[in-house]
Amino acid sequence: MADDRRVAILGGGLYRPDRVRYENAEEGVAMAFQQMLDDMPALDPRDIEFVQSSYFSDHLNQQLCMAWIVQDYIGLHRKGGYRIEAGGSTPLDAMINAYFLIKSGHYDLVLVPGWEWMSEVDTATTNEFIASASDTDWDFTVGGFYNGYYAALETRHMQLYGETLDDLGRIAIKNRNNAVHNQYSQWRAEHGTSYVTLDDYYRDRIIAWPYRRWDCALISEGACCLLMGSEKVAARYTNNPMWIAGVGLGTDSMRPGDRLVDWPYHGLYPDDENRYPDNIEKPLTPYPEMANFGFAREAAKQAYAQAGIRDPLKEIDLAELFAPYDGVELCLYEDLMFCPRGEGKTLVREGVVERGGGLPCQLSGGLTAYAHPVGATSLLQTLFLYWQMAGLVEEKLGDPTLQVKNPKKALTTGHGGTGCQGGVIVYSRD
């Protein structure tokens, strides 16, 4: 890949997510697209060369090949285009695929629209459809749902490394108290702008121990469009490109229980294996085991190498993590090498990941307080990072509270299943 083919996020628009929106999916995408066009007056839609669509579930949309409808609806049906689908990693993978299409030199300007309408069926059915992304021959058939899968993973991490319910509660509170400053957040739409406390967290009901409802991703309907382009055309459309400095992709076993004997990872990360507690019998593969996410370590390693990142805690200014449960956020601190394995709780307790901390995470509110319309989620988080890097938070949110001072590097992640596949993107302002 040629060095002169840098790729950037040039702008975007969104349709505010909520539990139920009365417009249908194509209307939501069209409104996100219109917001993007209003924000980018130099952009003629005819300039767009390719449409990389992102949505997770045909079942939730109750429509096969929904991308065809959306592309037609926004008037780009003459352009090439197709859909990416990879569970929760769908929108991040769509951005990475668009990056490859531009980096290769085949296109200069790609639109990435993403959406999910998760309330056209009832909540139980929504959870069942999502669970069909687990192994339907083994796990799903014995009652497997993602709330249960992730609760088991977090229980294992608590057993090994000692974080507490208070640590999970602090993450939940952090994300909600960030979300009240985000006018597009679902939490703010439903609960207003009052801050919450640890006492409020403990009054919330348990879903699957140790997770309370506040620890779990929202069910959302929403859409987002991002415009991605090469350095050749970037200046034509924006004065504030956010450059993609590094990308990485990783995978792991389909079933998290298999990670106790995870042969492709066996012996690969000896430092992390050596941090396995001595008072618990070591499995054949001590890292990632069930407690951590090997895909994220692999993806981060690739992205950091490309971006020249040596010390992510010091070099990254903020992160928007794909964390559908609060324990995932804590584990990702470790797997992204913000801290040693087992020390995610320390970043929580010392306020490192808080607003104003050394590496604030989920300033938008994240999946548990901003929104989680699956096919749009990482696009929404990336648009939020774009506003951060361009210094536009006050303008876009009507509130300067969340703006990080002079950010230069940012990171986002995505993953599907229980960390079966996912990626990392590092962004740079320069």
Protein backbone atom coordinates (compact mmCIF):
# COMPACT_ATOMS: atom_id res chain seq x y z
CA MET A 1 0.00 0.00 0.00
CA ALA A 2 1.45 3.35 -1.02
CA ASP A 3 2.28 5.86 1.70
CA ASP A 4 0.64 8.69 -0.27
CA ARG A 5 -2.81 7.08 0.00
CA ARG A 6 -3.70 8.32 3.47
CA VAL A 7 -7.37 7.88 4.39
CA ALA A 8 -9.48 10.16 6.56
CA ILE A 9 -12.90 10.56 8.11
CA LEU A 10 -14.16 13.73 6.42
CA GLY A 11 -17.47 14.23 8.22
CA GLY A 12 -20.77 12.63 8.99
CA GLY A 13 -24.31 12.91 10.26
CA LEU A 14 -26.62 10.96 12.53
CA TYR A 15 -30.23 10.21 13.27
CA ARG A 16 -30.54 10.35 17.06
CA PRO A 17 -30.87 6.86 18.54
CA ASP A 18 -33.64 5.95 20.97
CA ARG A 19 -35.51 2.92 22.24
CA VAL A 20 -38.27 3.43 19.66
CA ARG A 21 -38.20 5.78 16.69
CA TYR A 22 -41.29 6.01 14.54
CA GLU A 23 -39.53 6.60 11.23
CA ASN A 24 -38.38 3.42 9.52
CA ALA A 25 -34.75 2.54 8.91
CA GLU A 26 -34.37 4.03 5.45
CA GLU A 27 -35.90 7.30 6.65
CA GLY A 28 -33.45 7.35 9.58
CA VAL A 29 -30.48 6.82 7.28
CA ALA A 30 -31.78 9.52 4.93
CA MET A 31 -31.98 12.02 7.80
CA ALA A 32 -28.44 11.14 8.91
CA PHE A 33 -27.31 11.56 5.28
CA GLN A 34 -29.09 14.93 5.05
CA GLN A 35 -27.42 16.12 8.27
CA MET A 36 -24.06 15.18 6.77
CA LEU A 37 -24.84 17.06 3.55
CA ASP A 38 -25.95 20.13 5.50
CA ASP A 39 -22.66 20.03 7.40
CA MET A 40 -20.56 19.61 4.23
CA PRO A 41 -21.79 22.18 1.67
CA ALA A 42 -18.99 21.36 -0.77
CA LEU A 43 -20.16 17.77 -1.11
CA ASP A 44 -22.23 16.85 -4.13
CA PRO A 45 -23.73 13.38 -3.52
CA ARG A 46 -22.76 12.50 -7.09
CA ASP A 47 -19.10 12.71 -5.99
CA ILE A 48 -19.55 9.60 -3.82
CA GLU A 49 -18.08 6.62 -5.62
CA PHE A 50 -19.07 3.67 -3.43
CA VAL A 51 -21.52 2.88 -0.61
CA GLN A 52 -20.29 0.55 2.12
CA SER A 53 -23.44 -0.33 4.07
CA SER A 54 -23.48 -1.60 7.65
CA TYR A 55 -26.28 -3.41 9.47
CA PHE A 56 -26.23 -6.49 11.66
CA SER A 57 -29.49 -8.39 11.46
CA ASP A 58 -31.87 -9.27 8.65
CA HIS A 59 -34.23 -10.56 11.37
CA LEU A 60 -34.40 -7.26 13.23
CA ASN A 61 -34.96 -5.35 9.99
CA GLN A 62 -37.47 -8.01 8.92
CA GLN A 63 -35.98 -7.57 5.48
CA LEU A 64 -33.32 -9.37 3.50
CA CYS A 65 -30.88 -7.20 1.52
CA MET A 66 -31.89 -4.05 3.38
CA ALA A 67 -28.84 -2.24 1.99
CA TRP A 68 -30.45 -2.20 -1.44
CA ILE A 69 -33.47 -0.35 -0.04
CA VAL A 70 -31.33 2.18 1.83
CA GLN A 71 -29.03 2.89 -1.10
CA ASP A 72 -32.05 3.38 -3.36
CA TYR A 73 -33.80 5.58 -0.80
CA ILE A 74 -30.89 8.04 -0.51
CA GLY A 75 -30.51 8.24 -4.30
CA LEU A 76 -27.18 6.46 -4.64
CA HIS A 77 -28.45 3.30 -6.35
CA ARG A 78 -26.29 3.87 -9.44
CA LYS A 79 -23.13 3.61 -7.33
CA GLY A 80 -21.37 0.39 -6.44
CA GLY A 81 -22.12 -0.89 -2.98
CA TYR A 82 -22.67 -3.82 -0.68
CA ARG A 83 -23.20 -4.71 2.95
CA ILE A 84 -20.75 -5.80 5.64
CA GLU A 85 -22.04 -8.02 8.46
CA ALA A 86 -19.97 -9.18 11.44
CA GLY A 87 -22.19 -9.03 14.53
CA GLY A 88 -21.27 -6.12 16.77
CA SER A 89 -18.13 -5.53 14.71
CA THR A 90 -20.22 -4.78 11.63
CA PRO A 91 -19.78 -0.97 11.55
CA LEU A 92 -16.09 -1.04 12.49
CA ASP A 93 -15.42 -3.69 9.85
CA ALA A 94 -17.35 -1.57 7.34
CA MET A 95 -15.04 1.37 8.07
CA ILE A 96 -11.96 -0.84 7.78
CA ASN A 97 -13.22 -2.27 4.49
CA ALA A 98 -13.85 1.25 3.18
CA TYR A 99 -10.33 2.14 4.33
CA PHE A 100 -8.91 -0.75 2.30
CA LEU A 101 -10.95 0.26 -0.77
CA ILE A 102 -9.58 3.79 -0.61
CA LYS A 103 -6.05 2.80 0.43
CA SER A 104 -5.83 0.46 -2.54
CA GLY A 105 -6.45 3.37 -4.88
CA HIS A 106 -9.67 1.97 -6.28
CA TYR A 107 -11.88 4.73 -4.83
CA ASP A 108 -11.31 8.22 -3.41
CA LEU A 109 -14.67 8.87 -1.73
CA VAL A 110 -16.78 6.27 0.08
CA LEU A 111 -19.99 6.69 2.07
CA VAL A 112 -20.47 4.38 5.07
CA PRO A 113 -24.12 4.36 6.21
CA GLY A 114 -25.06 2.21 9.19
CA TRP A 115 -28.32 1.51 10.97
CA GLU A 116 -30.27 -0.88 13.16
CA TRP A 117 -33.96 -0.92 14.11
CA MET A 118 -34.08 -3.16 17.20
CA SER A 119 -37.63 -2.55 18.43
CA GLU A 120 -39.70 -3.78 15.53
CA VAL A 121 -39.93 -6.99 17.57
CA ASP A 122 -40.26 -7.32 21.36
CA THR A 123 -37.19 -7.28 23.63
CA ALA A 124 -37.15 -11.02 24.26
CA THR A 125 -37.24 -11.72 20.52
CA THR A 126 -34.53 -9.11 19.95
CA ASN A 127 -32.30 -10.92 22.44
CA GLU A 128 -33.07 -14.25 20.79
CA PHE A 129 -32.16 -12.92 17.35
CA ILE A 130 -28.89 -11.50 18.70
CA ALA A 131 -28.15 -14.80 20.43
CA SER A 132 -28.37 -16.57 17.08
CA ALA A 133 -24.94 -15.05 16.41
CA SER A 134 -23.59 -17.51 19.00
CA ASP A 135 -23.11 -21.19 18.17
CA THR A 136 -26.63 -22.37 17.40
CA ASP A 137 -25.58 -26.03 17.46
CA TRP A 138 -24.13 -25.89 20.98
CA ASP A 139 -24.50 -22.76 23.11
CA PHE A 140 -27.78 -21.30 21.89
CA THR A 141 -29.63 -24.61 22.09
CA VAL A 142 -29.06 -24.85 25.85
CA GLY A 143 -30.43 -21.39 26.53
CA GLY A 144 -27.43 -19.24 25.69
CA PHE A 145 -28.08 -15.49 25.59
CA TYR A 146 -25.43 -12.77 25.50
CA ASN A 147 -26.34 -11.39 28.92
CA GLY A 148 -25.46 -14.81 30.31
CA TYR A 149 -22.33 -15.28 28.22
CA TYR A 150 -20.84 -11.94 29.21
CA ALA A 151 -21.85 -12.33 32.84
CA ALA A 152 -19.90 -15.61 32.91
CA LEU A 153 -16.85 -13.97 31.33
CA GLU A 154 -16.91 -11.11 33.83
CA THR A 155 -17.41 -13.46 36.78
CA ARG A 156 -14.28 -15.29 35.68
CA HIS A 157 -12.30 -12.05 35.42
CA MET A 158 -13.50 -11.02 38.90
CA GLN A 159 -12.41 -14.40 40.26
CA LEU A 160 -8.95 -14.07 38.73
CA TYR A 161 -8.19 -10.38 39.26
CA GLY A 162 -10.45 -9.09 42.00
CA GLU A 163 -12.48 -6.21 40.63
CA THR A 164 -15.69 -5.67 42.57
CA LEU A 165 -19.27 -4.66 41.96
CA ASP A 166 -18.25 -1.15 42.96
CA ASP A 167 -15.78 -1.08 40.06
CA LEU A 168 -18.52 -2.03 37.60
CA GLY A 169 -20.78 0.56 39.20
CA ARG A 170 -18.16 3.27 38.81
CA ILE A 171 -17.95 2.52 35.08
CA ALA A 172 -21.76 2.63 34.77
CA ILE A 173 -21.93 5.97 36.61
CA LYS A 174 -19.05 7.43 34.58
CA ASN A 175 -20.76 6.62 31.31
CA ARG A 176 -24.16 8.00 32.34
CA ASN A 177 -22.72 11.19 33.75
CA ASN A 178 -20.89 11.68 30.46
CA ALA A 179 -24.03 10.93 28.46
CA VAL A 180 -26.03 13.73 30.09
CA HIS A 181 -23.77 16.17 28.21
CA ASN A 182 -24.43 14.42 24.89
CA GLN A 183 -27.67 15.77 23.42
CA TYR A 184 -27.90 12.72 21.15
CA SER A 185 -27.66 10.13 23.93
CA GLN A 186 -30.49 7.75 24.60
CA TRP A 187 -29.87 7.97 28.36
CA ARG A 188 -30.42 11.74 28.31
CA ALA A 189 -33.56 11.37 26.18
CA GLU A 190 -35.02 8.90 28.68
CA HIS A 191 -33.70 10.26 32.00
CA GLY A 192 -32.77 13.92 31.61
CA THR A 193 -29.57 15.65 32.66
CA SER A 194 -29.25 14.80 36.37
CA TYR A 195 -26.10 13.00 37.51
CA VAL A 196 -26.34 9.54 39.10
CA THR A 197 -24.49 7.98 42.01
CA LEU A 198 -23.33 4.58 43.18
CA ASP A 199 -26.44 4.36 45.36
CA ASP A 200 -28.58 4.81 42.24
CA TYR A 201 -26.61 2.04 40.56
CA TYR A 202 -27.32 -0.42 43.38
CA ARG A 203 -31.04 0.37 43.20
CA ASP A 204 -31.07 -0.87 39.61
CA ARG A 205 -32.19 -4.44 39.05
CA ILE A 206 -29.90 -7.38 38.37
CA ILE A 207 -30.06 -8.87 34.86
CA ALA A 208 -27.42 -11.63 35.10
CA TRP A 209 -25.05 -11.40 38.08
CA PRO A 210 -22.82 -9.45 38.35
CA TYR A 211 -24.53 -7.28 35.75
CA ARG A 212 -27.32 -4.89 36.55
CA ARG A 213 -29.38 -3.31 33.82
CA TRP A 214 -27.10 -0.24 33.85
CA ASP A 215 -24.14 -2.49 33.00
CA CYS A 216 -25.77 -3.69 29.77
CA ALA A 217 -25.96 -2.15 26.31
CA LEU A 218 -29.10 -0.32 25.32
CA ILE A 219 -31.59 -1.55 22.76
CA SER A 220 -31.72 1.22 20.19
CA GLU A 221 -33.00 2.39 16.85
CA GLY A 222 -30.70 4.81 15.06
CA ALA A 223 -28.51 5.57 12.07
CA CYS A 224 -25.24 7.27 11.16
CA CYS A 225 -23.42 8.16 7.94
CA LEU A 226 -19.69 8.74 7.67
CA LEU A 227 -17.83 10.08 4.64
CA MET A 228 -14.36 8.63 4.13
CA GLY A 229 -11.87 9.84 1.58
CA SER A 230 -8.30 9.82 0.35
CA GLU A 231 -5.78 12.58 0.93
CA LYS A 232 -6.19 13.46 -2.73
CA VAL A 233 -9.74 14.74 -2.17
CA ALA A 234 -9.89 15.47 1.58
CA ALA A 235 -9.26 19.22 1.40
CA ARG A 236 -12.12 19.59 -1.07
CA TYR A 237 -14.68 18.67 1.59
CA THR A 238 -13.28 19.59 5.01
CA ASN A 239 -10.68 21.63 6.86
CA ASN A 240 -10.70 19.04 9.65
CA PRO A 241 -9.87 15.55 8.35
CA MET A 242 -9.38 12.85 10.98
CA TRP A 243 -6.71 10.55 9.56
CA ILE A 244 -6.71 6.80 10.04
CA ALA A 245 -3.25 6.17 11.48
CA GLY A 246 -3.52 2.44 12.11
CA VAL A 247 -5.95 -0.46 11.76
CA GLY A 248 -5.91 -3.98 13.10
CA LEU A 249 -8.17 -7.03 13.00
CA GLY A 250 -8.27 -10.08 15.24
CA THR A 251 -10.29 -13.22 15.89
CA ASP A 252 -10.74 -15.83 18.61
CA SER A 253 -12.64 -19.07 19.13
CA MET A 254 -16.37 -19.03 18.52
CA ARG A 255 -17.18 -20.44 21.97
CA PRO A 256 -15.55 -18.62 24.93
CA GLY A 257 -15.28 -21.87 26.89
CA ASP A 258 -12.84 -23.14 24.27
CA ARG A 259 -10.40 -20.37 25.21
CA LEU A 260 -9.16 -22.41 28.14
CA VAL A 261 -7.43 -24.52 25.48
CA ASP A 262 -6.88 -21.84 22.85
CA TRP A 263 -4.09 -23.36 20.76
CA PRO A 264 -3.47 -20.43 18.37
CA TYR A 265 -2.83 -18.19 21.41
CA HIS A 266 -0.91 -20.74 23.48
CA GLY A 267 2.42 -19.24 24.60
CA LEU A 268 2.00 -16.18 22.39
CA TYR A 269 1.83 -13.62 25.22
CA PRO A 270 4.07 -14.93 28.01
CA ASP A 271 3.92 -11.74 30.11
CA ASP A 272 0.14 -11.97 30.30
CA GLU A 273 0.28 -15.70 30.96
CA ASN A 274 2.69 -15.06 33.83
CA ARG A 275 0.21 -12.68 35.45
CA TYR A 276 -2.28 -15.52 35.88
CA PRO A 277 -2.92 -15.87 39.63
CA ASP A 278 -0.95 -18.61 41.38
CA ASN A 279 -3.83 -19.66 43.64
CA ILE A 280 -5.93 -20.91 40.69
CA GLU A 281 -5.01 -23.89 38.57
CA LYS A 282 -3.75 -22.66 35.22
CA PRO A 283 -5.59 -23.83 32.11
CA LEU A 284 -3.60 -24.95 29.11
CA THR A 285 -3.92 -21.45 27.63
CA PRO A 286 -3.69 -18.86 30.45
CA TYR A 287 -4.19 -15.95 28.04
CA PRO A 288 -6.67 -14.87 26.84
CA GLU A 289 -8.59 -17.58 28.74
CA MET A 290 -12.30 -16.78 29.22
CA ALA A 291 -11.44 -13.62 31.12
CA ASN A 292 -9.87 -11.47 28.40
CA PHE A 293 -10.13 -10.74 24.70
CA GLY A 294 -7.34 -12.07 22.53
CA PHE A 295 -8.79 -10.57 19.36
CA ALA A 296 -8.30 -7.09 20.87
CA ARG A 297 -4.66 -7.74 21.74
CA GLU A 298 -4.00 -8.95 18.19
CA ALA A 299 -5.84 -6.03 16.59
CA ALA A 300 -4.23 -3.46 18.88
CA LYS A 301 -0.77 -4.84 18.20
CA GLN A 302 -1.30 -4.36 14.45
CA ALA A 303 -2.89 -0.91 14.76
CA TYR A 304 -0.24 0.39 17.15
CA ALA A 305 2.58 -0.81 14.91
CA GLN A 306 1.10 0.98 11.91
CA ALA A 307 0.39 4.15 13.92
CA GLY A 308 3.77 4.16 15.68
CA ILE A 309 2.16 3.86 19.13
CA ARG A 310 4.55 2.57 21.80
CA ASP A 311 2.79 3.61 25.01
CA PRO A 312 -0.96 3.79 24.37
CA LEU A 313 -1.80 5.11 27.84
CA LYS A 314 0.40 8.16 27.24
CA GLU A 315 -0.02 8.61 23.51
CA ILE A 316 -3.79 8.17 23.07
CA ASP A 317 -5.90 11.10 24.22
CA LEU A 318 -9.32 9.44 24.34
CA ALA A 319 -11.03 6.19 23.38
CA GLU A 320 -14.50 5.05 22.39
CA LEU A 321 -14.66 1.34 23.10
CA PHE A 322 -17.14 -1.23 21.85
CA ALA A 323 -18.19 -2.42 25.30
CA PRO A 324 -21.70 -3.88 25.41
CA TYR A 325 -21.16 -4.68 29.11
CA ASP A 326 -19.18 -2.71 31.67
CA GLY A 327 -16.85 -5.62 32.42
CA VAL A 328 -15.87 -5.65 28.75
CA GLU A 329 -14.76 -2.04 29.04
CA LEU A 330 -12.58 -2.91 32.04
CA CYS A 331 -11.04 -5.93 30.25
CA LEU A 332 -10.36 -3.90 27.11
CA TYR A 333 -8.22 -1.50 29.15
CA GLU A 334 -5.94 -4.51 29.66
CA ASP A 335 -6.14 -6.06 26.20
CA LEU A 336 -5.50 -2.70 24.53
CA MET A 337 -2.42 -2.40 26.75
CA PHE A 338 -3.55 0.70 28.63
CA CYS A 339 -2.43 -1.25 31.72
CA PRO A 340 -1.08 -4.72 32.60
CA ARG A 341 -3.49 -7.64 32.71
CA GLY A 342 -5.49 -7.61 35.92
CA GLU A 343 -5.06 -3.86 36.46
CA GLY A 344 -8.14 -2.60 34.64
CA LYS A 345 -9.71 -2.03 38.05
CA THR A 346 -6.80 0.26 38.94
CA LEU A 347 -7.56 2.59 36.01
CA VAL A 348 -11.16 2.75 37.27
CA ARG A 349 -10.23 3.39 40.90
CA GLU A 350 -7.61 6.04 40.08
CA GLY A 351 -9.90 7.91 37.68
CA VAL A 352 -7.61 7.48 34.67
CA VAL A 353 -10.56 6.67 32.38
CA GLU A 354 -12.82 9.39 33.78
CA ARG A 355 -13.56 12.72 32.15
CA GLY A 356 -10.45 14.75 32.90
CA GLY A 357 -8.34 11.62 33.46
CA GLY A 358 -5.24 10.60 31.55
CA LEU A 359 -7.16 8.49 29.01
CA PRO A 360 -10.89 9.20 29.17
CA CYS A 361 -13.03 6.39 27.78
CA GLN A 362 -16.66 6.53 26.64
CA LEU A 363 -17.03 10.30 26.87
CA SER A 364 -20.02 9.89 24.55
CA GLY A 365 -21.64 7.55 27.09
CA GLY A 366 -20.75 4.40 25.18
CA LEU A 367 -23.05 1.52 24.36
CA THR A 368 -24.70 1.51 27.79
CA ALA A 369 -25.66 5.20 27.90
CA TYR A 370 -25.21 6.79 24.44
CA ALA A 371 -26.80 4.09 22.27
CA HIS A 372 -26.30 0.71 20.63
CA PRO A 373 -28.11 0.45 17.27
CA VAL A 374 -25.67 -2.28 16.29
CA GLY A 375 -24.96 -1.48 12.64
CA ALA A 376 -24.48 2.20 13.46
CA THR A 377 -22.77 2.00 16.87
CA SER A 378 -19.09 2.29 15.94
CA LEU A 379 -20.01 4.91 13.33
CA LEU A 380 -21.70 7.01 16.02
CA GLN A 381 -18.66 6.63 18.27
CA THR A 382 -16.33 7.56 15.40
CA LEU A 383 -18.40 10.64 14.53
CA PHE A 384 -18.12 11.66 18.18
CA LEU A 385 -14.33 11.24 17.96
CA TYR A 386 -14.32 13.30 14.78
CA TRP A 387 -16.06 16.15 16.61
CA GLN A 388 -13.52 15.80 19.42
CA MET A 389 -10.51 15.92 17.11
CA ALA A 390 -11.93 18.88 15.20
CA GLY A 391 -12.76 20.78 18.42
CA LEU A 392 -16.45 20.80 17.51
CA VAL A 393 -17.99 19.25 20.63
CA GLU A 394 -19.54 22.48 21.92
CA GLU A 395 -20.90 23.33 18.48
CA LYS A 396 -22.37 19.88 17.90
CA LEU A 397 -23.57 19.07 21.42
CA GLY A 398 -24.36 22.58 22.65
CA ASP A 399 -22.18 21.89 25.70
CA PRO A 400 -18.39 22.10 25.98
CA THR A 401 -18.12 19.75 28.99
CA LEU A 402 -17.02 16.66 27.04
CA GLN A 403 -14.44 18.40 24.85
CA VAL A 404 -10.91 17.07 25.38
CA LYS A 405 -8.32 19.82 25.15
CA ASN A 406 -6.23 19.62 21.98
CA PRO A 407 -6.60 15.86 21.28
CA LYS A 408 -4.13 14.46 18.77
CA LYS A 409 -4.77 10.70 18.81
CA ALA A 410 -7.92 8.70 19.46
CA LEU A 411 -8.89 5.04 19.36
CA THR A 412 -12.00 3.02 18.78
CA THR A 413 -12.75 -0.70 18.80
CA GLY A 414 -15.45 -3.05 17.60
CA HIS A 415 -16.21 -6.70 18.18
CA GLY A 416 -18.77 -9.35 17.45
CA GLY A 417 -20.01 -12.30 19.45
CA THR A 418 -18.06 -12.77 22.68
CA GLY A 419 -14.96 -11.28 21.11
CA CYS A 420 -14.97 -13.81 18.28
CA GLN A 421 -13.90 -11.15 15.78
CA GLY A 422 -13.17 -7.47 15.95
CA GLY A 423 -10.83 -4.62 15.24
CA VAL A 424 -9.07 -1.49 16.41
CA ILE A 425 -8.67 1.85 14.62
CA VAL A 426 -6.25 4.57 15.72
CA TYR A 427 -7.03 8.09 14.50
CA SER A 428 -4.69 11.07 14.23
CA ARG A 429 -5.42 14.74 13.78
CA ASP A 430 -2.24 15.29 11.75
